Amino acid sequence: KRKVSNYGTTINRELENSDVMEVQQYFENKQAESPGFCYSMEVYAKNKVRSVFWTDARSRIMYQEYGDCISFDTTFLTNKYNLPFAPFVGVSPHGKTYLF
């Protein structure tokens, strides 16, 4: 158990502060695969995130179709970074919700 725990700690140290770069690489790959995917990131020095926005082709189509009523709720906070998570949600005329 101790060896596994120590190994996990070593991996965490090696990956520290690389999560922002991994997210950016993931977004770049998604954008290359799907031209309808777009994103924007604001990063401070030392890979500290200020904001991240992303959307895909399906969400953009749903926004064009059902963007008359939009909910923007920032009450969700992440545990690790304490940043607000603010999904854009639309409601169709039939009461169905869509993530934009």
C-alpha atoms as a PDB file:
ATOM      1  CA  LYS A   1       0.000   0.000   0.000  1.00  0.00           C
ATOM      2  CA  ARG A   2       2.814   2.402   0.852  1.00  0.00           C
ATOM      3  CA  LYS A   3       4.532   1.907  -2.524  1.00  0.00           C
ATOM      4  CA  VAL A   4       1.291   2.569  -4.376  1.00  0.00           C
ATOM      5  CA  SER A   5       0.646   5.681  -2.303  1.00  0.00           C
ATOM      6  CA  ASN A   6       4.185   6.973  -2.884  1.00  0.00           C
ATOM      7  CA  TYR A   7       3.915   6.276  -6.608  1.00  0.00           C
ATOM      8  CA  GLY A   8       0.618   8.199  -6.738  1.00  0.00           C
ATOM      9  CA  THR A   9       2.227  11.137  -4.960  1.00  0.00           C
ATOM     10  CA  THR A  10       5.118  11.110  -7.449  1.00  0.00           C
ATOM     11  CA  ILE A  11       2.732  11.160 -10.403  1.00  0.00           C
ATOM     12  CA  ASN A  12       0.714  14.011  -8.880  1.00  0.00           C
ATOM     13  CA  ARG A  13       3.876  16.082  -8.438  1.00  0.00           C
ATOM     14  CA  GLU A  14       4.878  15.489 -12.064  1.00  0.00           C
ATOM     15  CA  LEU A  15       1.431  16.477 -13.323  1.00  0.00           C
ATOM     16  CA  GLU A  16       1.029  19.500 -11.043  1.00  0.00           C
ATOM     17  CA  ASN A  17      -0.040  22.600 -12.986  1.00  0.00           C
ATOM     18  CA  SER A  18      -0.288  20.641 -16.235  1.00  0.00           C
ATOM     19  CA  ASP A  19      -4.089  20.304 -16.162  1.00  0.00           C
ATOM     20  CA  VAL A  20      -4.595  23.639 -17.933  1.00  0.00           C
ATOM     21  CA  MET A  21      -2.277  22.599 -20.737  1.00  0.00           C
ATOM     22  CA  GLU A  22      -4.084  19.258 -20.992  1.00  0.00           C
ATOM     23  CA  VAL A  23      -7.460  20.984 -21.285  1.00  0.00           C
ATOM     24  CA  GLN A  24      -6.107  23.327 -23.947  1.00  0.00           C
ATOM     25  CA  GLN A  25      -4.666  20.368 -25.886  1.00  0.00           C
ATOM     26  CA  TYR A  26      -8.004  18.558 -25.601  1.00  0.00           C
ATOM     27  CA  PHE A  27      -9.853  21.617 -26.922  1.00  0.00           C
ATOM     28  CA  GLU A  28      -7.389  22.006 -29.806  1.00  0.00           C
ATOM     29  CA  ASN A  29      -7.923  18.340 -30.753  1.00  0.00           C
ATOM     30  CA  LYS A  30     -11.717  18.731 -30.576  1.00  0.00           C
ATOM     31  CA  GLN A  31     -11.546  21.833 -32.764  1.00  0.00           C
ATOM     32  CA  ALA A  32      -9.426  19.986 -35.337  1.00  0.00           C
ATOM     33  CA  GLU A  33     -11.946  17.105 -35.377  1.00  0.00           C
ATOM     34  CA  SER A  34     -15.020  19.309 -35.473  1.00  0.00           C
ATOM     35  CA  PRO A  35     -14.923  22.791 -37.061  1.00  0.00           C
ATOM     36  CA  GLY A  36     -18.123  23.688 -35.159  1.00  0.00           C
ATOM     37  CA  PHE A  37     -16.307  23.376 -31.833  1.00  0.00           C
ATOM     38  CA  CYS A  38     -14.913  26.612 -30.449  1.00  0.00           C
ATOM     39  CA  TYR A  39     -13.332  27.621 -27.178  1.00  0.00           C
ATOM     40  CA  SER A  40     -11.682  30.499 -25.381  1.00  0.00           C
ATOM     41  CA  MET A  41      -9.402  30.398 -22.334  1.00  0.00           C
ATOM     42  CA  GLU A  42      -7.975  33.148 -20.187  1.00  0.00           C
ATOM     43  CA  VAL A  43      -4.890  31.960 -18.310  1.00  0.00           C
ATOM     44  CA  TYR A  44      -2.809  33.914 -15.829  1.00  0.00           C
ATOM     45  CA  ALA A  45       0.869  33.307 -15.204  1.00  0.00           C
ATOM     46  CA  LYS A  46       1.808  29.898 -13.812  1.00  0.00           C
ATOM     47  CA  ASN A  47      -1.116  28.258 -15.666  1.00  0.00           C
ATOM     48  CA  LYS A  48      -3.810  29.695 -13.404  1.00  0.00           C
ATOM     49  CA  VAL A  49      -7.165  29.813 -15.155  1.00  0.00           C
ATOM     50  CA  ARG A  50      -9.324  32.886 -15.085  1.00  0.00           C
ATOM     51  CA  SER A  51     -12.044  31.664 -17.442  1.00  0.00           C
ATOM     52  CA  VAL A  52     -12.862  28.930 -19.934  1.00  0.00           C
ATOM     53  CA  PHE A  53     -15.658  28.910 -22.492  1.00  0.00           C
ATOM     54  CA  TRP A  54     -16.471  26.184 -24.981  1.00  0.00           C
ATOM     55  CA  THR A  55     -19.306  25.125 -27.233  1.00  0.00           C
ATOM     56  CA  ASP A  56     -19.808  22.517 -29.915  1.00  0.00           C
ATOM     57  CA  ALA A  57     -21.690  22.451 -33.223  1.00  0.00           C
ATOM     58  CA  ARG A  58     -24.796  20.791 -31.734  1.00  0.00           C
ATOM     59  CA  SER A  59     -25.048  23.367 -28.948  1.00  0.00           C
ATOM     60  CA  ARG A  60     -24.719  26.210 -31.444  1.00  0.00           C
ATOM     61  CA  ILE A  61     -27.519  24.749 -33.575  1.00  0.00           C
ATOM     62  CA  MET A  62     -29.722  24.344 -30.489  1.00  0.00           C
ATOM     63  CA  TYR A  63     -29.005  27.968 -29.555  1.00  0.00           C
ATOM     64  CA  GLN A  64     -30.145  29.163 -32.995  1.00  0.00           C
ATOM     65  CA  GLU A  65     -33.283  27.049 -32.705  1.00  0.00           C
ATOM     66  CA  TYR A  66     -34.189  27.552 -29.022  1.00  0.00           C
ATOM     67  CA  GLY A  67     -32.211  30.624 -27.908  1.00  0.00           C
ATOM     68  CA  ASP A  68     -35.303  32.672 -27.037  1.00  0.00           C
ATOM     69  CA  CYS A  69     -35.204  31.677 -23.363  1.00  0.00           C
ATOM     70  CA  ILE A  70     -31.758  31.328 -21.773  1.00  0.00           C
ATOM     71  CA  SER A  71     -30.772  30.504 -18.207  1.00  0.00           C
ATOM     72  CA  PHE A  72     -27.340  31.557 -16.952  1.00  0.00           C
ATOM     73  CA  ASP A  73     -26.682  30.177 -13.468  1.00  0.00           C
ATOM     74  CA  THR A  74     -23.356  30.620 -11.640  1.00  0.00           C
ATOM     75  CA  THR A  75     -24.301  28.945  -8.371  1.00  0.00           C
ATOM     76  CA  PHE A  76     -22.172  25.850  -9.015  1.00  0.00           C
ATOM     77  CA  LEU A  77     -18.631  26.050  -7.646  1.00  0.00           C
ATOM     78  CA  THR A  78     -15.854  23.513  -8.154  1.00  0.00           C
ATOM     79  CA  ASN A  79     -14.180  22.099  -5.081  1.00  0.00           C
ATOM     80  CA  LYS A  80     -10.561  22.317  -6.203  1.00  0.00           C
ATOM     81  CA  TYR A  81     -10.443  25.710  -7.923  1.00  0.00           C
ATOM     82  CA  ASN A  82     -13.485  27.484  -6.472  1.00  0.00           C
ATOM     83  CA  LEU A  83     -14.377  28.877  -9.899  1.00  0.00           C
ATOM     84  CA  PRO A  84     -18.008  29.332 -10.894  1.00  0.00           C
ATOM     85  CA  PHE A  85     -19.444  26.904 -13.418  1.00  0.00           C
ATOM     86  CA  ALA A  86     -21.983  28.786 -15.515  1.00  0.00           C
ATOM     87  CA  PRO A  87     -23.857  26.687 -18.063  1.00  0.00           C
ATOM     88  CA  PHE A  88     -25.981  28.376 -20.710  1.00  0.00           C
ATOM     89  CA  VAL A  89     -29.266  26.483 -20.848  1.00  0.00           C
ATOM     90  CA  GLY A  90     -32.169  27.091 -23.210  1.00  0.00           C
ATOM     91  CA  VAL A  91     -35.776  25.929 -23.065  1.00  0.00           C
ATOM     92  CA  SER A  92     -37.728  24.814 -26.113  1.00  0.00           C
ATOM     93  CA  PRO A  93     -41.409  25.722 -26.595  1.00  0.00           C
ATOM     94  CA  HIS A  94     -42.163  22.158 -25.437  1.00  0.00           C
ATOM     95  CA  GLY A  95     -40.365  22.620 -22.111  1.00  0.00           C
ATOM     96  CA  LYS A  96     -37.292  20.571 -23.026  1.00  0.00           C
ATOM     97  CA  THR A  97     -33.940  21.986 -21.883  1.00  0.00           C
ATOM     98  CA  TYR A  98     -30.826  22.250 -24.045  1.00  0.00           C
ATOM     99  CA  LEU A  99     -27.253  22.909 -23.021  1.00  0.00           C
ATOM    100  CA  PHE A 100     -25.742  25.665 -25.163  1.00  0.00           C
END
